[in-house]
N, C-alpha and C. Protein backbone atom coordinates (compact mmCIF):
# COMPACT_ATOMS: atom_id res chain seq x y z
N MET A 1 146.02 -35.44 18.80
CA MET A 1 146.29 -36.79 18.44
C MET A 1 145.46 -37.11 17.19
N THR A 2 146.06 -37.80 16.29
CA THR A 2 145.37 -38.10 15.04
C THR A 2 145.15 -39.59 14.89
N THR A 3 144.07 -39.97 14.15
CA THR A 3 143.77 -41.39 13.87
C THR A 3 143.46 -41.55 12.39
N ARG A 4 143.54 -42.75 11.91
CA ARG A 4 143.29 -43.04 10.50
C ARG A 4 141.87 -43.58 10.35
N ASP A 5 141.17 -43.05 9.40
CA ASP A 5 139.82 -43.53 9.11
C ASP A 5 139.95 -44.72 8.17
N ASP A 6 139.30 -45.85 8.51
CA ASP A 6 139.44 -47.08 7.70
C ASP A 6 138.78 -46.95 6.34
N VAL A 7 137.79 -46.16 6.17
CA VAL A 7 137.06 -46.06 4.89
C VAL A 7 137.81 -45.18 3.91
N GLY A 8 138.13 -44.04 4.29
CA GLY A 8 138.72 -43.11 3.34
C GLY A 8 140.22 -43.02 3.45
N GLY A 9 140.76 -43.51 4.51
CA GLY A 9 142.18 -43.47 4.71
C GLY A 9 142.71 -42.11 5.10
N GLU A 10 141.83 -41.23 5.42
CA GLU A 10 142.28 -39.91 5.81
C GLU A 10 142.56 -39.88 7.32
N ILE A 11 143.38 -38.99 7.68
CA ILE A 11 143.70 -38.83 9.10
C ILE A 11 142.84 -37.69 9.65
N LYS A 12 142.08 -38.04 10.69
CA LYS A 12 141.24 -37.03 11.35
C LYS A 12 141.80 -36.75 12.75
N SER A 13 141.69 -35.57 13.16
CA SER A 13 142.15 -35.27 14.51
C SER A 13 140.98 -35.46 15.50
N ARG A 14 141.31 -36.09 16.56
CA ARG A 14 140.32 -36.38 17.60
C ARG A 14 140.18 -35.15 18.51
N PRO A 15 138.95 -34.84 18.89
CA PRO A 15 138.82 -33.67 19.78
C PRO A 15 139.49 -33.95 21.14
N LYS A 16 140.20 -33.00 21.62
CA LYS A 16 140.90 -33.16 22.90
C LYS A 16 139.91 -33.10 24.04
N LYS A 17 140.10 -34.01 25.01
CA LYS A 17 139.27 -33.97 26.22
C LYS A 17 139.81 -32.88 27.13
N ARG A 18 138.92 -32.15 27.66
CA ARG A 18 139.32 -31.09 28.57
C ARG A 18 139.61 -31.70 29.93
N GLU A 19 140.81 -31.55 30.41
CA GLU A 19 141.17 -32.07 31.73
C GLU A 19 141.01 -30.95 32.74
N ASP A 20 140.14 -31.20 33.67
CA ASP A 20 139.88 -30.22 34.71
C ASP A 20 140.70 -30.62 35.93
N THR A 21 141.86 -30.03 36.11
CA THR A 21 142.75 -30.41 37.21
C THR A 21 142.41 -29.66 38.49
N GLU A 22 141.73 -28.56 38.40
CA GLU A 22 141.37 -27.81 39.59
C GLU A 22 139.98 -28.19 40.04
N MET A 23 139.85 -28.31 41.39
CA MET A 23 138.56 -28.68 41.95
C MET A 23 138.09 -27.54 42.85
N ASP A 24 136.88 -27.15 42.73
CA ASP A 24 136.32 -26.08 43.55
C ASP A 24 135.90 -26.68 44.89
N ILE A 25 136.61 -26.28 45.98
CA ILE A 25 136.30 -26.85 47.29
C ILE A 25 135.48 -25.90 48.15
N THR A 26 135.00 -24.83 47.58
CA THR A 26 134.19 -23.88 48.34
C THR A 26 132.94 -24.54 48.94
N PRO A 27 132.19 -25.35 48.19
CA PRO A 27 131.03 -25.99 48.82
C PRO A 27 131.42 -26.94 49.96
N MET A 28 132.56 -27.61 49.85
CA MET A 28 133.00 -28.49 50.92
C MET A 28 133.34 -27.69 52.18
N ILE A 29 133.97 -26.55 52.02
CA ILE A 29 134.28 -25.69 53.16
C ILE A 29 133.00 -25.17 53.79
N ASP A 30 132.04 -24.77 52.96
CA ASP A 30 130.75 -24.30 53.48
C ASP A 30 130.07 -25.39 54.30
N MET A 31 130.07 -26.63 53.79
CA MET A 31 129.45 -27.74 54.52
C MET A 31 130.17 -28.00 55.84
N THR A 32 131.49 -27.90 55.84
CA THR A 32 132.26 -28.13 57.07
C THR A 32 131.86 -27.12 58.14
N PHE A 33 131.78 -25.85 57.78
CA PHE A 33 131.41 -24.85 58.76
C PHE A 33 129.95 -24.98 59.19
N LEU A 34 129.08 -25.38 58.30
CA LEU A 34 127.70 -25.62 58.69
C LEU A 34 127.60 -26.76 59.68
N LEU A 35 128.32 -27.85 59.43
CA LEU A 35 128.32 -28.97 60.37
C LEU A 35 128.93 -28.57 61.71
N LEU A 36 130.01 -27.81 61.67
CA LEU A 36 130.63 -27.35 62.91
C LEU A 36 129.66 -26.50 63.72
N ALA A 37 128.99 -25.57 63.06
CA ALA A 37 128.01 -24.73 63.75
C ALA A 37 126.87 -25.58 64.30
N PHE A 38 126.43 -26.57 63.55
CA PHE A 38 125.35 -27.44 64.00
C PHE A 38 125.74 -28.20 65.26
N PHE A 39 126.94 -28.79 65.26
CA PHE A 39 127.36 -29.57 66.43
C PHE A 39 127.63 -28.69 67.65
N ILE A 40 128.11 -27.48 67.43
CA ILE A 40 128.31 -26.57 68.56
C ILE A 40 126.97 -26.18 69.17
N MET A 41 125.99 -25.90 68.33
CA MET A 41 124.68 -25.48 68.83
C MET A 41 123.93 -26.64 69.49
N CYS A 42 124.13 -27.85 69.03
CA CYS A 42 123.38 -28.99 69.55
C CYS A 42 124.04 -29.67 70.74
N SER A 43 125.32 -29.39 70.99
CA SER A 43 126.00 -30.06 72.09
C SER A 43 125.63 -29.38 73.41
N LYS A 44 125.65 -30.17 74.46
CA LYS A 44 125.34 -29.65 75.79
C LYS A 44 126.64 -29.48 76.57
N MET A 45 126.83 -28.30 77.08
CA MET A 45 127.99 -28.04 77.92
C MET A 45 127.60 -28.34 79.36
N ASP A 46 128.41 -29.14 80.03
CA ASP A 46 128.12 -29.50 81.41
C ASP A 46 128.90 -28.57 82.34
N PRO A 47 128.23 -27.58 82.93
CA PRO A 47 128.96 -26.64 83.78
C PRO A 47 129.33 -27.23 85.13
N THR A 48 128.78 -28.38 85.48
CA THR A 48 129.03 -28.96 86.79
C THR A 48 129.97 -30.15 86.66
N VAL A 49 131.17 -29.91 86.18
CA VAL A 49 132.16 -30.96 86.08
C VAL A 49 132.65 -31.27 87.49
N ALA A 50 132.70 -32.54 87.84
CA ALA A 50 133.09 -32.95 89.18
C ALA A 50 134.60 -32.83 89.36
N VAL A 51 135.01 -31.84 90.12
CA VAL A 51 136.42 -31.65 90.45
C VAL A 51 136.51 -31.53 91.96
N ASP A 52 137.40 -32.30 92.54
CA ASP A 52 137.57 -32.28 93.99
C ASP A 52 138.55 -31.18 94.36
N LEU A 53 138.02 -30.02 94.75
CA LEU A 53 138.87 -28.89 95.10
C LEU A 53 139.11 -28.86 96.61
N PRO A 54 140.33 -28.47 97.01
CA PRO A 54 140.58 -28.37 98.45
C PRO A 54 139.85 -27.16 99.03
N GLY A 55 139.50 -27.27 100.28
CA GLY A 55 138.81 -26.18 100.95
C GLY A 55 139.76 -25.03 101.25
N ALA A 56 139.26 -23.82 101.23
CA ALA A 56 140.07 -22.64 101.53
C ALA A 56 139.85 -22.25 102.98
N PHE A 57 140.87 -21.71 103.57
CA PHE A 57 140.79 -21.26 104.96
C PHE A 57 140.85 -19.74 105.00
N TYR A 58 140.03 -19.10 104.20
CA TYR A 58 140.03 -17.66 104.13
C TYR A 58 139.54 -17.07 105.44
N GLY A 59 140.29 -16.17 105.96
CA GLY A 59 139.86 -15.47 107.15
C GLY A 59 140.36 -16.08 108.44
N ASP A 60 140.94 -17.29 108.40
CA ASP A 60 141.48 -17.87 109.63
C ASP A 60 142.81 -17.21 109.94
N PRO A 61 142.92 -16.55 111.07
CA PRO A 61 144.19 -15.90 111.39
C PRO A 61 145.25 -16.92 111.79
N VAL A 62 146.47 -16.65 111.38
CA VAL A 62 147.60 -17.49 111.74
C VAL A 62 148.57 -16.60 112.50
N SER A 63 148.85 -16.96 113.72
CA SER A 63 149.75 -16.17 114.54
C SER A 63 151.19 -16.43 114.12
N GLU A 64 151.91 -15.36 113.82
CA GLU A 64 153.30 -15.50 113.39
C GLU A 64 154.19 -15.96 114.53
N LYS A 65 153.88 -15.56 115.76
CA LYS A 65 154.75 -15.97 116.86
C LYS A 65 154.57 -17.44 117.22
N ASP A 66 153.47 -18.04 116.78
CA ASP A 66 153.26 -19.47 116.99
C ASP A 66 153.52 -20.27 115.71
N SER A 67 154.33 -19.71 114.82
CA SER A 67 154.62 -20.35 113.54
C SER A 67 156.10 -20.20 113.20
N VAL A 68 156.56 -21.06 112.33
CA VAL A 68 157.88 -20.88 111.73
C VAL A 68 157.64 -20.04 110.48
N VAL A 69 158.34 -18.92 110.37
CA VAL A 69 158.09 -17.97 109.29
C VAL A 69 159.30 -17.92 108.35
N LEU A 70 159.01 -17.96 107.05
CA LEU A 70 160.00 -17.76 106.00
C LEU A 70 159.49 -16.64 105.11
N VAL A 71 160.37 -15.71 104.76
CA VAL A 71 159.98 -14.57 103.93
C VAL A 71 160.72 -14.66 102.60
N VAL A 72 159.97 -14.50 101.50
CA VAL A 72 160.58 -14.49 100.16
C VAL A 72 160.39 -13.09 99.61
N ALA A 73 161.53 -12.38 99.46
CA ALA A 73 161.49 -10.99 98.99
C ALA A 73 161.99 -10.91 97.56
N ALA A 74 161.40 -10.01 96.80
CA ALA A 74 161.79 -9.82 95.40
C ALA A 74 163.13 -9.11 95.33
N GLY A 75 163.88 -9.44 94.27
CA GLY A 75 165.17 -8.82 94.05
C GLY A 75 165.08 -7.70 93.02
N ALA A 76 166.22 -7.36 92.46
CA ALA A 76 166.28 -6.26 91.49
C ALA A 76 165.58 -6.63 90.18
N THR A 77 165.70 -7.89 89.76
CA THR A 77 165.02 -8.33 88.54
C THR A 77 163.92 -9.30 88.91
N LYS A 78 163.12 -9.67 87.92
CA LYS A 78 161.99 -10.57 88.20
C LYS A 78 162.44 -11.96 88.64
N ALA A 79 163.62 -12.38 88.16
CA ALA A 79 164.10 -13.72 88.51
C ALA A 79 164.82 -13.75 89.85
N ASP A 80 165.23 -12.60 90.36
CA ASP A 80 165.97 -12.55 91.62
C ASP A 80 165.01 -12.55 92.81
N TYR A 81 165.42 -13.26 93.84
CA TYR A 81 164.66 -13.26 95.09
C TYR A 81 165.60 -13.66 96.21
N THR A 82 165.21 -13.31 97.43
CA THR A 82 165.98 -13.66 98.61
C THR A 82 165.04 -14.30 99.62
N ILE A 83 165.51 -15.39 100.23
CA ILE A 83 164.73 -16.08 101.26
C ILE A 83 165.32 -15.70 102.61
N TYR A 84 164.45 -15.25 103.51
CA TYR A 84 164.88 -14.87 104.85
C TYR A 84 164.31 -15.83 105.87
N LYS A 85 165.14 -16.18 106.86
CA LYS A 85 164.69 -17.02 107.97
C LYS A 85 164.07 -16.09 109.01
N GLY A 86 162.86 -16.35 109.39
CA GLY A 86 162.20 -15.52 110.39
C GLY A 86 161.47 -14.35 109.77
N ARG A 87 161.00 -13.47 110.64
CA ARG A 87 160.17 -12.36 110.21
C ARG A 87 160.96 -11.16 109.71
N SER A 88 162.23 -11.09 110.00
CA SER A 88 163.00 -9.91 109.60
C SER A 88 163.97 -10.27 108.48
N ASP A 89 164.63 -9.25 107.97
CA ASP A 89 165.58 -9.48 106.90
C ASP A 89 167.01 -9.60 107.42
N GLU A 90 167.16 -10.03 108.67
CA GLU A 90 168.48 -10.15 109.28
C GLU A 90 169.19 -11.45 108.89
N TYR A 91 168.43 -12.50 108.60
CA TYR A 91 169.03 -13.81 108.38
C TYR A 91 168.68 -14.35 106.99
N PRO A 92 169.36 -13.85 105.95
CA PRO A 92 169.06 -14.36 104.61
C PRO A 92 169.72 -15.72 104.37
N ILE A 93 169.12 -16.49 103.49
CA ILE A 93 169.73 -17.74 103.04
C ILE A 93 170.64 -17.36 101.88
N SER A 94 171.93 -17.66 102.02
CA SER A 94 172.91 -17.17 101.05
C SER A 94 173.02 -18.04 99.80
N GLU A 95 172.49 -19.25 99.81
CA GLU A 95 172.58 -20.12 98.64
C GLU A 95 171.77 -19.55 97.49
N THR A 96 172.25 -19.79 96.27
CA THR A 96 171.55 -19.28 95.09
C THR A 96 170.94 -20.40 94.26
N GLU A 97 171.45 -21.60 94.39
CA GLU A 97 170.89 -22.74 93.66
C GLU A 97 169.63 -23.24 94.35
N PRO A 98 168.58 -23.57 93.61
CA PRO A 98 167.32 -24.02 94.22
C PRO A 98 167.47 -25.24 95.13
N MET A 99 168.28 -26.21 94.74
CA MET A 99 168.46 -27.41 95.58
C MET A 99 169.13 -27.04 96.91
N ALA A 100 170.13 -26.17 96.86
CA ALA A 100 170.81 -25.74 98.07
C ALA A 100 169.87 -24.90 98.94
N GLN A 101 169.03 -24.09 98.29
CA GLN A 101 168.05 -23.31 99.05
C GLN A 101 167.06 -24.22 99.76
N GLU A 102 166.60 -25.28 99.06
CA GLU A 102 165.68 -26.23 99.68
C GLU A 102 166.29 -26.87 100.91
N GLU A 103 167.56 -27.27 100.81
CA GLU A 103 168.24 -27.89 101.94
C GLU A 103 168.39 -26.92 103.10
N ALA A 104 168.73 -25.65 102.80
CA ALA A 104 168.87 -24.64 103.85
C ALA A 104 167.53 -24.37 104.53
N VAL A 105 166.46 -24.31 103.75
CA VAL A 105 165.12 -24.11 104.32
C VAL A 105 164.75 -25.30 105.19
N ALA A 106 165.02 -26.52 104.72
CA ALA A 106 164.70 -27.73 105.48
C ALA A 106 165.45 -27.74 106.81
N MET A 107 166.73 -27.36 106.79
CA MET A 107 167.51 -27.33 108.03
C MET A 107 166.96 -26.29 109.00
N TYR A 108 166.60 -25.11 108.49
CA TYR A 108 166.06 -24.05 109.35
C TYR A 108 164.73 -24.49 109.97
N VAL A 109 163.84 -25.04 109.15
CA VAL A 109 162.54 -25.48 109.67
C VAL A 109 162.72 -26.60 110.69
N GLN A 110 163.63 -27.52 110.42
CA GLN A 110 163.89 -28.63 111.34
C GLN A 110 164.41 -28.09 112.68
N GLN A 111 165.33 -27.13 112.65
CA GLN A 111 165.87 -26.54 113.88
C GLN A 111 164.79 -25.82 114.68
N GLU A 112 163.97 -25.04 113.96
CA GLU A 112 162.92 -24.28 114.65
C GLU A 112 161.87 -25.20 115.28
N LEU A 113 161.48 -26.24 114.57
CA LEU A 113 160.45 -27.14 115.09
C LEU A 113 160.99 -28.02 116.21
N SER A 114 162.27 -28.34 116.18
CA SER A 114 162.83 -29.12 117.29
C SER A 114 163.00 -28.24 118.53
N ALA A 115 163.28 -26.94 118.33
CA ALA A 115 163.41 -26.03 119.47
C ALA A 115 162.05 -25.64 120.03
N ARG A 116 161.03 -25.59 119.18
CA ARG A 116 159.67 -25.21 119.63
C ARG A 116 158.67 -26.27 119.15
N PRO A 117 158.53 -27.37 119.86
CA PRO A 117 157.65 -28.46 119.39
C PRO A 117 156.16 -28.12 119.43
N ASP A 118 155.78 -27.05 120.11
CA ASP A 118 154.36 -26.68 120.18
C ASP A 118 153.87 -25.95 118.92
N VAL A 119 154.80 -25.55 118.05
CA VAL A 119 154.44 -24.84 116.82
C VAL A 119 153.70 -25.79 115.89
N GLN A 120 152.56 -25.34 115.36
CA GLN A 120 151.74 -26.19 114.51
C GLN A 120 151.66 -25.71 113.06
N ALA A 121 152.36 -24.62 112.71
CA ALA A 121 152.23 -24.09 111.36
C ALA A 121 153.56 -23.55 110.86
N VAL A 122 153.69 -23.59 109.53
CA VAL A 122 154.82 -22.97 108.85
C VAL A 122 154.21 -21.96 107.88
N VAL A 123 154.67 -20.71 107.93
CA VAL A 123 154.13 -19.64 107.11
C VAL A 123 155.21 -19.17 106.13
N ILE A 124 154.85 -19.15 104.85
CA ILE A 124 155.73 -18.59 103.82
C ILE A 124 155.11 -17.27 103.40
N LYS A 125 155.83 -16.17 103.66
CA LYS A 125 155.35 -14.86 103.24
C LYS A 125 156.12 -14.46 101.99
N ALA A 126 155.40 -14.18 100.91
CA ALA A 126 156.04 -13.83 99.65
C ALA A 126 155.58 -12.46 99.19
N GLU A 127 156.52 -11.69 98.70
CA GLU A 127 156.21 -10.38 98.15
C GLU A 127 155.47 -10.57 96.83
N GLY A 128 154.64 -9.62 96.45
CA GLY A 128 153.80 -9.74 95.26
C GLY A 128 154.57 -9.92 93.96
N LYS A 129 155.78 -9.42 93.87
CA LYS A 129 156.56 -9.50 92.64
C LYS A 129 157.32 -10.82 92.50
N VAL A 130 157.31 -11.65 93.54
CA VAL A 130 158.06 -12.90 93.52
C VAL A 130 157.35 -13.91 92.63
N LYS A 131 158.14 -14.60 91.79
CA LYS A 131 157.56 -15.63 90.93
C LYS A 131 157.18 -16.84 91.76
N SER A 132 156.21 -17.60 91.26
CA SER A 132 155.71 -18.76 91.99
C SER A 132 156.77 -19.84 92.14
N GLY A 133 157.76 -19.88 91.25
CA GLY A 133 158.83 -20.88 91.36
C GLY A 133 159.64 -20.71 92.63
N ALA A 134 159.84 -19.48 93.07
CA ALA A 134 160.58 -19.23 94.31
C ALA A 134 159.79 -19.74 95.51
N VAL A 135 158.50 -19.50 95.51
CA VAL A 135 157.65 -19.99 96.61
C VAL A 135 157.62 -21.52 96.60
N GLU A 136 157.60 -22.11 95.41
CA GLU A 136 157.61 -23.57 95.30
C GLU A 136 158.92 -24.15 95.83
N THR A 137 160.03 -23.48 95.60
CA THR A 137 161.32 -23.92 96.13
C THR A 137 161.29 -23.95 97.65
N VAL A 138 160.75 -22.88 98.26
CA VAL A 138 160.65 -22.82 99.72
C VAL A 138 159.71 -23.92 100.22
N LYS A 139 158.61 -24.13 99.53
CA LYS A 139 157.65 -25.15 99.93
C LYS A 139 158.28 -26.54 99.92
N ARG A 140 159.04 -26.84 98.86
CA ARG A 140 159.72 -28.14 98.80
C ARG A 140 160.72 -28.29 99.94
N GLY A 141 161.38 -27.19 100.30
CA GLY A 141 162.31 -27.23 101.43
C GLY A 141 161.59 -27.51 102.74
N VAL A 142 160.43 -26.91 102.93
CA VAL A 142 159.65 -27.16 104.15
C VAL A 142 159.22 -28.62 104.20
N ILE A 143 158.80 -29.16 103.08
CA ILE A 143 158.34 -30.56 103.03
C ILE A 143 159.48 -31.52 103.36
N GLN A 144 160.72 -31.15 103.02
CA GLN A 144 161.86 -32.02 103.30
C GLN A 144 162.15 -32.14 104.79
N ALA A 145 161.74 -31.17 105.59
CA ALA A 145 161.97 -31.23 107.03
C ALA A 145 161.07 -32.30 107.64
N GLU A 146 161.67 -33.24 108.36
CA GLU A 146 160.91 -34.36 108.93
C GLU A 146 159.89 -33.89 109.96
N LEU A 147 160.25 -32.93 110.78
CA LEU A 147 159.33 -32.46 111.82
C LEU A 147 158.17 -31.65 111.27
N ALA A 148 158.24 -31.23 110.00
CA ALA A 148 157.15 -30.44 109.41
C ALA A 148 155.96 -31.32 109.04
N GLU A 149 156.15 -32.63 109.03
CA GLU A 149 155.05 -33.54 108.68
C GLU A 149 153.94 -33.43 109.73
N GLY A 150 152.73 -33.28 109.27
CA GLY A 150 151.58 -33.16 110.17
C GLY A 150 151.28 -31.73 110.58
N ARG A 151 152.12 -30.80 110.18
CA ARG A 151 151.86 -29.39 110.50
C ARG A 151 151.32 -28.69 109.25
N ARG A 152 150.58 -27.61 109.47
CA ARG A 152 149.99 -26.87 108.36
C ARG A 152 151.01 -25.95 107.72
N LEU A 153 150.89 -25.83 106.39
CA LEU A 153 151.74 -24.93 105.63
C LEU A 153 150.86 -23.84 105.03
N TYR A 154 151.16 -22.60 105.36
CA TYR A 154 150.40 -21.46 104.84
C TYR A 154 151.31 -20.63 103.93
N VAL A 155 150.73 -20.13 102.85
CA VAL A 155 151.44 -19.22 101.96
C VAL A 155 150.69 -17.90 101.98
N ALA A 156 151.38 -16.86 102.45
CA ALA A 156 150.78 -15.53 102.51
C ALA A 156 151.44 -14.67 101.44
N VAL A 157 150.65 -13.99 100.64
CA VAL A 157 151.19 -13.14 99.59
C VAL A 157 150.92 -11.70 99.98
N GLU A 158 151.98 -10.91 99.91
CA GLU A 158 151.86 -9.51 100.28
C GLU A 158 152.35 -8.67 99.11
N GLU A 159 151.54 -7.76 98.67
CA GLU A 159 151.93 -6.90 97.57
C GLU A 159 152.23 -5.52 98.11
N LYS A 160 153.44 -5.07 97.88
CA LYS A 160 153.84 -3.74 98.34
C LYS A 160 153.48 -2.72 97.29
N GLN A 161 152.98 -1.57 97.73
CA GLN A 161 152.57 -0.53 96.79
C GLN A 161 153.46 0.66 96.87
């Protein structure tokens, strides 16, 4: 850019200002990590967070003959499973939809508890390869049975080798 000098009338060029468009952020990054390290080192971790956990009944035997038993067996693929009424594989639940399975489980548990009112527990035996969603489906079915209220629900996991 040029300007005119009032005394001599000559045009002089003005020195260009250097525009520094790039900013070095390395010191800012260093400070961020130093502050992060400082706060991590100075903070106190509380290992005793108050969480109300349910008690475990490890080692308490549950008699199968004094219980309503449902067996969840793994299928050919990880998503496949079969629910059996009772301790053997003679009476499978034929429904494949989870809602229909829940209803079938509820009906079976209701029938068993009405036929044997002295039974105080429902046992779900699941094979080790069965996904937790299948066990949850059976559990929801047990909860739907009116006579199951007030009785204990046990989930036994068995891994076949």
